[in-house]
Protein backbone atom coordinates (compact mmCIF):
# COMPACT_ATOMS: atom_id res chain seq x y z
CA MET A 1 0.00 0.00 0.00
CA LYS A 2 2.87 2.38 0.73
CA GLN A 3 4.14 2.03 -2.84
CA ASP A 4 0.72 2.93 -4.25
CA LEU A 5 0.34 5.77 -1.74
CA ASN A 6 3.69 7.15 -2.77
CA LYS A 7 2.55 7.30 -6.43
CA VAL A 8 -0.62 9.12 -5.40
CA LEU A 9 1.27 11.62 -3.24
CA ARG A 10 3.83 12.41 -5.95
CA TYR A 11 1.06 13.03 -8.48
CA ILE A 12 -0.76 15.36 -6.08
CA GLU A 13 2.48 17.17 -5.29
CA GLU A 14 3.17 17.78 -9.01
CA ASN A 15 -0.36 18.99 -9.74
CA ILE A 16 -1.47 20.84 -6.61
CA ARG A 17 -0.82 24.17 -8.36
CA VAL A 18 -2.34 24.71 -11.80
CA THR A 19 0.16 25.51 -14.55
CA ASP A 20 0.35 24.82 -18.27
CA GLN A 21 2.31 21.68 -17.39
CA THR A 22 -0.16 20.14 -14.90
CA THR A 23 -2.09 17.11 -16.13
CA ILE A 24 -4.87 17.09 -13.55
CA GLU A 25 -8.35 17.70 -14.95
CA TYR A 26 -11.30 19.59 -13.53
CA LEU A 27 -13.92 17.22 -12.11
CA ASP A 28 -17.21 18.75 -13.09
CA PRO A 29 -20.24 17.25 -11.32
CA LYS A 30 -22.07 20.61 -11.55
CA GLY A 31 -21.64 21.10 -15.31
CA HIS A 32 -19.56 24.29 -15.05
CA ILE A 33 -17.42 23.61 -18.13
CA GLU A 34 -20.39 23.54 -20.49
CA ARG A 35 -21.87 26.70 -18.97
CA LEU A 36 -18.57 28.53 -19.13
CA GLY A 37 -18.32 27.93 -22.86
CA SER A 38 -21.42 30.03 -23.57
CA ARG A 39 -21.34 33.44 -25.28
CA GLN A 40 -22.01 35.29 -22.07
CA ASN A 41 -20.14 37.48 -19.63
CA GLN A 42 -19.58 35.38 -16.51
CA VAL A 43 -18.07 35.71 -13.04
CA ILE A 44 -16.63 32.55 -11.45
CA TYR A 45 -16.75 32.69 -7.66
CA GLY A 46 -14.61 30.43 -5.52
CA ARG A 47 -12.27 30.54 -2.55
CA ARG A 48 -8.52 30.25 -3.05
CA GLY A 49 -7.84 26.64 -4.09
CA SER A 50 -11.42 25.89 -5.15
CA GLY A 51 -10.42 25.15 -8.76
CA LYS A 52 -11.05 28.45 -10.56
CA SER A 53 -7.79 28.37 -12.54
CA LEU A 54 -8.22 24.69 -13.37
CA LEU A 55 -11.74 25.33 -14.63
CA LEU A 56 -10.51 28.21 -16.79
CA LYS A 57 -7.74 25.99 -18.16
CA SER A 58 -10.36 23.42 -19.16
CA LEU A 59 -12.26 26.23 -20.89
CA LYS A 60 -9.31 26.77 -23.22
CA LEU A 61 -8.92 23.04 -23.88
CA ASN A 62 -12.60 22.41 -24.60
CA ASN A 63 -13.40 25.43 -26.77
CA GLU A 64 -11.18 25.35 -29.84
CA SER A 65 -13.64 27.58 -31.69
CA LYS A 66 -13.06 30.34 -29.13
CA PHE A 67 -9.92 32.46 -28.90
CA CYS A 68 -9.04 32.58 -25.19
CA ILE A 69 -6.80 35.31 -23.79
CA THR A 70 -5.87 34.50 -20.19
CA ILE A 71 -4.53 37.23 -17.91
CA ASN A 72 -3.60 36.61 -14.28
CA LEU A 73 -4.21 39.84 -12.40
CA ASP A 74 -1.91 38.71 -9.61
CA ASP A 75 0.85 39.99 -11.92
CA PHE A 76 -0.50 43.54 -11.62
CA LYS A 77 -1.46 43.72 -7.93
CA ASP A 78 1.31 46.25 -7.22
CA ILE A 79 0.58 48.41 -10.27
CA SER A 80 -1.45 51.58 -9.82
CA PHE A 81 -4.84 52.10 -11.41
CA PRO A 82 -5.51 52.74 -14.30
CA ASP A 83 -2.07 51.50 -15.41
CA SER A 84 -3.36 48.01 -14.62
CA ILE A 85 -5.98 48.52 -17.36
CA ILE A 86 -3.26 49.61 -19.79
CA GLN A 87 -1.20 46.52 -18.98
CA VAL A 88 -4.17 44.27 -19.71
CA LEU A 89 -4.88 46.10 -22.97
CA ARG A 90 -1.25 45.64 -24.00
CA ILE A 91 -1.49 41.88 -23.47
CA ILE A 92 -4.76 41.72 -25.43
CA ILE A 93 -3.23 43.58 -28.37
CA LYS A 94 -0.12 41.41 -28.41
CA GLN A 95 -2.21 38.23 -28.33
CA LEU A 96 -4.49 39.51 -31.09
CA SER A 97 -1.49 40.39 -33.22
CA LYS A 98 -0.06 36.87 -32.88
CA ARG A 99 -3.42 35.34 -33.76
CA VAL A 100 -3.88 37.54 -36.85
CA ASP A 101 -0.45 36.40 -38.08
CA LYS A 102 -1.63 32.79 -38.07
CA GLU A 103 -4.82 33.44 -40.02
CA TYR A 104 -3.54 33.77 -43.57
CA LYS A 105 -1.16 32.12 -46.03
CA TRP A 106 1.46 33.96 -48.04
CA TYR A 107 -0.45 33.41 -51.29
CA GLN A 108 -3.77 34.86 -49.95
CA LEU A 109 -3.23 38.41 -51.17
CA ASN A 110 -6.59 39.89 -50.07
CA ARG A 111 -6.36 38.40 -46.59
CA TRP A 112 -2.76 39.53 -46.35
CA LYS A 113 -3.82 43.12 -47.11
CA LYS A 114 -6.55 43.00 -44.44
CA ALA A 115 -4.13 41.52 -41.94
CA ILE A 116 -1.55 44.23 -42.62
CA LYS A 117 -4.12 46.96 -41.93
CA ILE A 118 -5.23 45.34 -38.69
CA GLN A 119 -1.64 44.75 -37.60
CA ARG A 120 -0.76 48.36 -38.36
CA ASP A 121 -3.64 49.67 -36.23
CA LEU A 122 -2.88 47.24 -33.40
CA SER A 123 0.77 48.30 -33.43
CA LYS A 124 -0.20 51.98 -33.46
CA TYR A 125 -2.47 51.60 -30.44
CA LEU A 126 0.15 49.53 -28.61
CA LYS A 127 2.69 52.29 -29.14
CA THR A 128 0.23 54.83 -27.73
CA LEU A 129 -0.37 52.68 -24.65
CA ASN A 130 3.36 52.25 -24.08
CA GLU A 131 3.82 56.01 -24.13
CA ARG A 132 0.88 56.50 -21.80
CA LEU A 133 2.44 54.27 -19.15
CA ASN A 134 5.15 56.89 -18.67
CA ASN A 135 2.60 59.51 -17.63
CA PRO A 136 1.20 59.74 -14.09
CA ASP A 137 -2.43 58.72 -13.52
CA LEU A 138 -3.48 62.34 -13.09
CA TYR A 139 -1.27 65.14 -14.33
CA GLU A 140 -1.40 68.76 -15.41
CA GLU A 141 -0.64 69.96 -18.90
CA ALA A 142 0.13 73.64 -19.62
CA SER A 143 -0.77 75.28 -22.90
CA ARG A 144 0.24 78.75 -24.15
CA THR A 145 -1.48 80.94 -26.72
CA LYS A 146 -0.58 84.34 -28.21
CA THR A 147 -2.90 87.06 -29.43
CA GLY A 148 -1.79 90.15 -31.41
CA SER A 149 -3.32 93.40 -32.68
CA LYS A 150 -2.08 95.91 -35.28
CA LEU A 151 -2.50 99.73 -35.37
CA SER A 152 -1.86 101.70 -38.62
CA GLY A 153 -2.07 105.38 -39.59
CA GLU A 154 -1.46 107.69 -42.61
CA ALA A 155 -0.28 111.33 -42.88
CA LYS A 156 -0.14 113.66 -45.87
CA SER A 157 2.32 116.50 -46.49
CA GLY A 158 2.67 118.66 -49.62
CA TYR A 159 5.56 120.80 -50.86
CA ALA A 160 5.76 122.51 -54.26
CA GLY A 161 2.60 120.88 -55.37
CA SER A 162 3.73 117.38 -54.38
CA GLU A 163 2.12 114.96 -51.88
CA ALA A 164 3.78 112.22 -49.84
CA LYS A 165 2.31 109.44 -47.61
CA VAL A 166 3.94 108.52 -44.34
CA GLY A 167 2.68 105.24 -42.80
CA THR A 168 3.23 103.86 -39.32
CA GLU A 169 2.30 100.40 -37.96
CA LEU A 170 2.31 99.35 -34.34
CA SER A 171 1.84 95.72 -33.19
CA GLU A 172 0.97 94.46 -29.74
CA GLU A 173 1.09 90.81 -28.57
CA GLN A 174 -0.15 89.19 -25.39
CA GLU A 175 0.62 85.67 -24.14
CA PHE A 176 -1.91 83.60 -22.18
CA SER A 177 -1.29 80.27 -20.40
CA LYS A 178 -3.67 77.78 -18.82
CA THR A 179 -3.32 74.45 -17.05
CA ILE A 180 -5.52 71.45 -17.86
CA LYS A 181 -5.85 68.43 -15.59
CA ILE A 182 -5.43 65.22 -17.59
CA ASN A 183 -7.09 62.06 -16.25
CA LYS A 184 -5.60 58.95 -17.84
CA LEU A 185 -8.74 56.87 -17.21
CA ASN A 186 -10.93 59.41 -19.05
CA ILE A 187 -8.59 59.28 -22.02
CA LEU A 188 -8.90 55.48 -22.13
CA ARG A 189 -12.69 55.74 -21.93
CA ASN A 190 -12.78 58.23 -24.79
CA GLU A 191 -10.86 55.75 -26.93
CA LEU A 192 -13.21 52.86 -26.20
CA THR A 193 -15.11 53.22 -29.46
CA ASP A 194 -11.94 52.99 -31.50
CA PHE A 195 -10.74 49.94 -29.59
CA LYS A 196 -14.11 48.21 -29.93
CA GLU A 197 -14.00 48.82 -33.67
CA LEU A 198 -10.55 47.22 -33.72
CA ILE A 199 -11.91 44.21 -31.78
CA GLU A 200 -14.76 43.83 -34.27
CA ARG A 201 -12.40 43.93 -37.26
CA THR A 202 -10.12 41.36 -35.64
CA THR A 203 -12.86 38.90 -34.66
CA GLU A 204 -14.34 39.17 -38.15
CA PHE A 205 -10.92 38.44 -39.68
CA ILE A 206 -10.10 35.45 -37.46
CA ASN A 207 -13.76 34.34 -37.44
CA ASN A 208 -13.67 33.60 -33.72
CA ASP A 209 -15.19 34.87 -30.52
CA ILE A 210 -12.76 36.16 -27.92
CA PHE A 211 -12.96 34.92 -24.33
CA LEU A 212 -11.10 37.41 -22.13
CA ILE A 213 -10.20 35.47 -18.97
CA LEU A 214 -9.32 37.68 -16.00
CA ASP A 215 -8.08 35.32 -13.29
CA ASP A 216 -7.53 36.33 -9.64
CA PHE A 217 -9.57 39.51 -10.09
CA TYR A 218 -9.59 40.09 -6.32
CA PHE A 219 -5.94 41.20 -6.48
CA ILE A 220 -7.14 44.48 -8.01
CA ARG A 221 -7.64 46.97 -5.18
CA LYS A 222 -11.28 46.69 -4.07
CA SER A 223 -11.95 50.43 -4.49
CA ASP A 224 -10.73 50.18 -8.14
CA GLN A 225 -12.56 46.96 -9.03
CA PRO A 226 -15.88 48.52 -10.20
CA TYR A 227 -14.02 50.85 -12.59
CA PHE A 228 -11.80 48.03 -13.84
CA ALA A 229 -14.82 45.76 -14.48
CA ASP A 230 -16.74 48.67 -16.02
CA PHE A 231 -14.02 49.38 -18.58
CA PHE A 232 -13.83 45.84 -19.94
CA HIS A 233 -17.57 45.34 -19.71
CA ARG A 234 -18.01 48.36 -22.01
CA ILE A 235 -15.62 46.75 -24.50
CA SER A 236 -17.72 43.57 -24.47
CA LYS A 237 -20.99 45.35 -25.31
CA ASN A 238 -22.09 44.54 -28.87
CA THR A 239 -18.80 42.84 -29.71
CA ARG A 240 -17.72 39.21 -29.91
CA LEU A 241 -15.59 39.60 -26.80
CA TYR A 242 -16.88 37.91 -23.63
CA LEU A 243 -15.58 38.38 -20.10
CA LYS A 244 -14.76 35.44 -17.83
CA ILE A 245 -13.79 36.86 -14.42
CA ALA A 246 -12.54 34.55 -11.66
CA THR A 247 -12.55 35.93 -8.13
CA ILE A 248 -13.39 35.48 -4.43
CA LYS A 249 -16.98 36.57 -3.85
CA HIS A 250 -16.80 38.87 -0.83
CA ARG A 251 -13.34 40.13 -1.74
CA SER A 252 -14.90 41.60 -4.88
CA SER A 253 -16.83 44.77 -5.64
CA LEU A 254 -17.94 44.59 -9.26
CA TYR A 255 -20.25 47.59 -9.40
CA ILE A 256 -21.33 50.71 -7.53
CA GLN A 257 -24.61 52.55 -7.76
CA GLY A 258 -24.48 56.29 -7.24
CA GLU A 259 -25.50 59.16 -9.46
CA THR A 260 -24.27 56.96 -12.29
CA TYR A 261 -24.05 53.20 -12.61
CA ILE A 262 -20.47 51.90 -12.82
CA GLY A 263 -19.32 48.32 -13.16
CA MET A 264 -20.83 44.97 -13.95
CA GLU A 265 -23.94 43.79 -12.14
CA ILE A 266 -24.55 40.07 -11.76
CA ARG A 267 -27.70 38.81 -13.56
CA HIS A 268 -27.99 42.01 -15.60
CA ASP A 269 -24.52 42.34 -17.15
CA GLY A 270 -23.30 38.78 -16.59
CA GLN A 271 -24.05 35.47 -14.90
CA SER A 272 -22.30 33.85 -11.95
CA LEU A 273 -20.91 30.38 -11.32
CA ASN A 274 -20.16 29.27 -7.76
CA LEU A 275 -17.46 26.63 -7.37
CA ASP A 276 -17.49 26.43 -3.58
CA TYR A 277 -18.57 23.33 -1.69
CA SER A 278 -19.91 24.35 1.71
CA LEU A 279 -20.46 22.37 4.88
CA GLU A 280 -24.22 22.82 4.46
CA ASN A 281 -24.27 19.75 2.22
CA PHE A 282 -21.47 17.94 3.97
CA ASN A 283 -22.22 14.47 2.61
CA ALA A 284 -22.04 15.73 -0.98
CA MET A 285 -18.72 17.38 -0.19
CA VAL A 286 -17.33 14.16 1.33
CA SER A 287 -18.44 12.25 -1.76
CA PHE A 288 -16.72 14.79 -4.04
CA MET A 289 -13.43 14.53 -2.12
CA LYS A 290 -13.56 10.74 -2.45
CA ASP A 291 -14.08 11.18 -6.18
CA LEU A 292 -10.96 13.36 -6.29
CA LEU A 293 -8.82 10.63 -4.71
CA ASN A 294 -10.31 7.93 -6.93
CA TYR A 295 -9.55 10.12 -9.94
CA VAL A 296 -5.90 10.30 -8.83
CA ASN A 297 -5.90 6.51 -8.46
CA LYS A 298 -6.83 6.19 -12.12
CA LYS A 299 -4.24 8.74 -13.24
CA VAL A 300 -1.38 6.82 -11.58
CA ASP A 301 -2.91 3.36 -12.19
CA VAL A 302 -3.28 2.15 -8.60
CA ASP A 303 -6.17 0.74 -6.59
CA LEU A 304 -5.56 2.33 -3.21
CA ASN A 305 -8.33 1.57 -0.69
CA TYR A 306 -8.92 4.77 1.26
CA ASP A 307 -11.41 3.12 3.63
CA LYS A 308 -8.51 1.08 4.97
CA LEU A 309 -6.10 4.00 4.97
CA PHE A 310 -8.31 6.11 7.28
CA THR A 311 -9.64 5.18 10.70
CA PRO A 312 -13.43 5.67 11.20
CA ASN A 313 -14.43 9.35 10.97
CA ALA A 314 -10.87 10.48 10.08
CA PHE A 315 -11.72 10.98 6.39
CA ARG A 316 -14.78 13.09 7.25
CA PHE A 317 -12.60 15.21 9.53
CA LEU A 318 -10.08 15.65 6.72
CA CYS A 319 -12.93 16.94 4.54
CA LEU A 320 -14.01 19.20 7.41
CA SER A 321 -10.47 20.55 7.81
CA SER A 322 -10.45 21.50 4.12
CA GLY A 323 -13.71 23.46 4.43
CA GLY A 324 -14.64 22.06 1.02
CA VAL A 325 -11.61 23.52 -0.77
CA PRO A 326 -9.92 20.88 -3.02
CA ARG A 327 -6.41 22.35 -2.75
CA ASP A 328 -6.61 22.49 1.06
CA PHE A 329 -7.85 18.90 1.03
CA PHE A 330 -4.97 17.77 -1.17
CA ALA A 331 -2.41 19.78 0.83
CA SER A 332 -3.52 18.21 4.14
CA PHE A 333 -3.65 14.73 2.62
CA LEU A 334 -0.16 15.25 1.21
CA SER A 335 1.23 16.22 4.64
CA ILE A 336 -0.52 13.32 6.38
CA GLY A 337 0.36 10.84 3.64
CA ASN A 338 4.06 11.59 4.01
CA LYS A 339 3.76 10.75 7.72
CA ILE A 340 2.16 7.43 6.81
CA ILE A 341 5.00 6.55 4.46
CA ASN A 342 7.49 7.41 7.20
CA GLY A 343 6.13 4.91 9.71
CA GLN A 344 2.49 5.54 10.73
CA GLN A 345 0.00 2.79 9.97
CA SER A 346 -3.22 4.70 9.35
CA ILE A 347 -4.66 8.18 9.33
CA THR A 348 -6.48 9.15 12.52
CA LYS A 349 -8.69 12.06 13.52
CA PRO A 350 -6.08 13.56 15.95
CA MET A 351 -3.51 13.33 13.15
CA VAL A 352 -5.82 15.34 10.88
CA ILE A 353 -6.29 18.03 13.54
CA GLU A 354 -2.55 18.14 14.28
CA THR A 355 -1.74 18.56 10.57
CA SER A 356 -4.35 21.32 10.21
CA ILE A 357 -2.77 23.21 13.13
CA GLU A 358 0.69 22.75 11.58
CA ASP A 359 -0.59 24.06 8.23
CA LEU A 360 -2.30 27.13 9.75
CA PRO A 361 0.70 29.46 9.09
CA TYR A 362 0.39 28.76 5.35
CA LYS A 363 -3.32 29.55 5.46
CA LEU A 364 -2.66 32.74 7.42
CA GLU A 365 -0.03 33.78 4.90
CA ALA A 366 -2.59 33.37 2.10
CA PHE A 367 -5.07 35.29 4.27
CA LYS A 368 -2.65 38.22 4.50
CA THR A 369 -2.03 38.17 0.75
CA ASP A 370 -5.67 37.88 -0.28
CA SER A 371 -7.08 40.44 2.17
CA GLN A 372 -4.53 43.11 1.13
CA GLU A 373 -5.25 46.52 2.71
CA GLU A 374 -8.07 45.08 4.87
CA LYS A 375 -5.82 42.49 6.52
CA GLU A 376 -5.39 44.33 9.84
CA ILE A 377 -9.11 45.04 10.10
CA LEU A 378 -10.08 41.39 9.56
CA GLU A 379 -7.46 40.21 12.05
CA HIS A 380 -9.31 42.07 14.82
CA TYR A 381 -12.63 40.46 13.87
CA LEU A 382 -11.00 37.02 13.86
CA GLN A 383 -9.32 37.76 17.19
CA TYR A 384 -12.68 38.46 18.84
CA ILE A 385 -14.19 35.20 17.55
CA GLN A 386 -11.15 33.22 18.71
CA ASN A 387 -11.22 34.84 22.16
CA ILE A 388 -14.95 34.39 22.78
CA ILE A 389 -15.75 31.12 21.01
CA ILE A 390 -12.57 29.03 21.25
CA THR A 391 -10.82 30.34 24.39
CA GLU A 392 -13.76 31.42 26.57
CA LYS A 393 -16.72 29.28 25.46
CA ARG A 394 -14.57 26.27 24.40
CA TRP A 395 -16.57 25.56 21.24
CA ASN A 396 -15.65 25.18 17.60
CA SER A 397 -18.95 26.67 16.40
CA PHE A 398 -21.23 29.63 17.00
CA LEU A 399 -24.60 31.06 15.96
CA VAL A 400 -25.40 34.45 14.44
CA SER A 401 -28.95 35.82 14.26
CA ASN A 402 -29.98 36.25 10.62
CA THR A 403 -32.18 39.20 11.55
CA ASP A 404 -29.84 41.05 13.90
CA ILE A 405 -26.75 40.73 11.70
CA THR A 406 -28.30 43.07 9.12
CA LYS A 407 -28.05 45.85 11.73
CA TYR A 408 -24.28 45.34 11.89
CA PRO A 409 -23.08 45.52 8.26
CA GLN A 410 -19.38 45.66 9.21
CA ILE A 411 -19.57 42.47 11.30
CA ASN A 412 -21.66 40.81 8.60
CA GLN A 413 -19.07 41.71 5.96
CA ALA A 414 -16.19 40.53 8.16
CA ILE A 415 -17.78 37.12 8.76
CA LYS A 416 -18.45 36.66 5.03
CA GLU A 417 -14.87 37.58 4.18
CA LEU A 418 -13.44 35.26 6.85
CA VAL A 419 -15.50 32.46 5.28
CA ASP A 420 -14.11 33.32 1.85
CA LEU A 421 -10.61 33.40 3.35
CA ARG A 422 -11.14 29.84 4.73
CA LEU A 423 -10.83 30.68 8.43
CA LEU A 424 -14.56 30.27 9.15
CA HIS A 425 -16.92 27.79 7.50
CA LEU A 426 -20.69 28.12 7.04
CA ALA A 427 -22.40 24.99 8.41
CA ASN A 428 -26.06 26.00 8.13
CA SER A 429 -27.48 29.28 6.84
CA ASN A 430 -30.96 28.78 8.27
CA THR A 431 -31.31 26.95 11.57
CA SER A 432 -32.81 27.47 15.01
CA CYS A 433 -31.11 27.44 18.39
CA ALA A 434 -31.68 24.86 21.12
CA PRO A 435 -33.92 25.42 22.93
CA SER A 436 -35.74 27.30 20.19
CA ASP A 437 -36.50 31.01 20.68
CA GLY A 438 -38.32 31.53 17.38
CA ILE A 439 -35.30 33.23 15.75
CA ARG A 440 -33.45 31.89 12.69
CA TYR A 441 -29.67 31.69 12.83
CA SER A 442 -26.65 30.95 10.67
CA SER A 443 -24.25 28.42 12.15
CA TYR A 444 -20.48 28.71 11.59
CA LEU A 445 -17.52 26.49 12.39
CA VAL A 446 -14.07 27.88 13.09
CA ASP A 447 -11.29 26.34 11.03
CA ILE A 448 -9.70 23.26 12.63
CA GLY A 449 -6.29 24.90 12.32
CA LEU A 450 -7.44 27.41 14.98
CA PHE A 451 -7.96 24.65 17.57
CA PRO A 452 -5.76 25.04 20.70
CA ASN A 453 -4.21 21.57 20.15
CA SER A 454 -4.87 18.24 18.42
CA ASN A 455 -6.85 16.81 21.35
CA PRO A 456 -8.31 19.75 23.32
CA ARG A 457 -9.99 18.90 26.62
CA LYS A 458 -13.39 20.21 27.68
CA PHE A 459 -13.84 21.43 24.12
CA ASN A 460 -17.13 21.01 22.25
CA GLN A 461 -16.44 19.78 18.74
CA VAL A 462 -19.41 19.97 16.38
CA GLU A 463 -19.37 18.21 13.04
CA PRO A 464 -21.69 19.33 10.20
CA GLY A 465 -24.64 17.02 9.79
CA GLN A 466 -24.04 15.49 13.22
CA LYS A 467 -27.39 14.20 14.56
CA ASP A 468 -28.65 12.48 17.67
CA GLU A 469 -30.62 9.22 17.77
CA LYS A 470 -33.78 11.15 16.85
CA GLY A 471 -32.18 12.74 13.79
CA ARG A 472 -31.85 16.21 15.35
CA GLU A 473 -28.86 18.55 15.01
CA ASP A 474 -29.19 19.69 18.62
CA LYS A 475 -25.45 19.95 19.24
CA LEU A 476 -25.04 22.39 16.36
CA ARG A 477 -28.11 24.29 17.55
CA SER A 478 -26.72 24.43 21.11
CA ALA A 479 -23.60 26.35 20.07
CA PRO A 480 -23.06 29.76 21.75
CA LYS A 481 -24.53 32.85 20.13
CA ILE A 482 -22.34 35.78 19.16
CA ASN A 483 -23.37 38.92 21.06
CA LEU A 484 -23.25 41.41 18.19
CA GLU A 485 -23.38 44.52 20.38
CA ASN A 486 -20.35 43.32 22.40
CA PHE A 487 -18.65 42.44 19.13
CA LYS A 488 -19.27 45.96 17.84
CA ASP A 489 -17.94 47.53 21.08
CA PHE A 490 -14.76 45.44 20.82
CA ILE A 491 -14.09 46.60 17.25
CA GLU A 492 -14.89 50.24 18.03
CA GLY A 493 -12.46 50.04 20.95
CA LYS A 494 -9.67 49.31 18.47
CA LYS A 495 -10.27 52.75 16.88
CA LEU A 496 -9.64 51.45 13.38
CA LYS A 497 -8.90 54.11 10.78
CA LYS A 498 -10.73 52.26 8.00
CA ASN A 499 -13.94 50.28 7.58
CA LEU A 500 -14.51 47.23 5.43
CA LYS A 501 -16.04 47.88 2.04
CA VAL A 502 -19.44 46.19 2.15
CA THR A 503 -20.28 43.93 -0.80
CA ASP A 504 -23.49 42.17 -1.78
């Protein structure tokens, strides 16, 4: 068994991060691949490691009739806005230019002439964008103008019957100067029509739709995201270019509604796909994780029996520790599997908890990267939950009133973001407490990596779907309730300089 396990572990290790070289395929029980191939603007929601990049890779492999341009916005997370837009436009133009080159033969004179014209215009716009990168985002430009006026006169004088004319001419000039504020984003918007016309000519020439894939969209600063989405959504209107945006749901702000509408609104301007498996349907999640391991078995041609590899309940706890995120599941299994090869006989529940605690620093590092400028704010919200629920109450779960939470939008946003950042997990979005008080609650589990140790004493551990002999989830319903007013007082006591940006 160790030999087969070693093959499985090496395959997972080589494919845990999606690259052009990885051979792992996207398992698609929800039919996302077919949906994603439609001529429609779409936003793919999923936590880090949920399979967004792998799904987008499968989009390229399964849609030969579509021209896919993939841009990872992680590359531009340190670039100011709107230079990030210019960088994306530069990549689009370069990719279009390469594609146009492949679409004609040397003996096709008419197509060659069309291609030359398109290439010339693409090159011209690329040159303009390159020059624009050297300018600041907002700068002042001085202009000078001159105005002049002329004065003329005539005098007559006569001697000995003769007459002479004496003329004089005076000129006066004045110089005026004025300063104009130049906004780089407004310039780009004013050029949208020209760029759309260029897109239309190119798609007609190559006879293909363009799928513009913007991966890791959440790396764009949240305050800039609506304007970023708005720009490329405008390009997609009435053209054969379709947006495929991959992002983390509550780390994203795709549109804002003020005096004017800016951005891309889900259901109106595009459709959404949700890749996340939650603990609300825990049995389906466990089944999916088993399918992942059986898929790896087939890829490396082994018949590893995972029921024998795990002690009772250990596999379900491994699924729980992943929170439904495939990469977290694989990463934990990889760490545990290496321990098995080095001497352990089977995988146990305490071993899963211990590994989750050991892996917490990696998850926290990703949390810091993904939360960007809101990192310090979210750390305080997480600190309160850890102090009250884990340290004081000695539980791994808690309840939040679905009615009361709407009165505390900052706490509501923080909890949603901590779920998206894989440090909290939603177990049930509509449950009661025990004993019932007539109020509906959402139940959350803290990540196993936040446990005090691998076998904490006097610590109430709730598992999703856990029921008593009468089929009731009373243990989940008995979890402590978060006092939202105390929570608010704790945060206000930190005197934070910023608030979280609330998303839908």
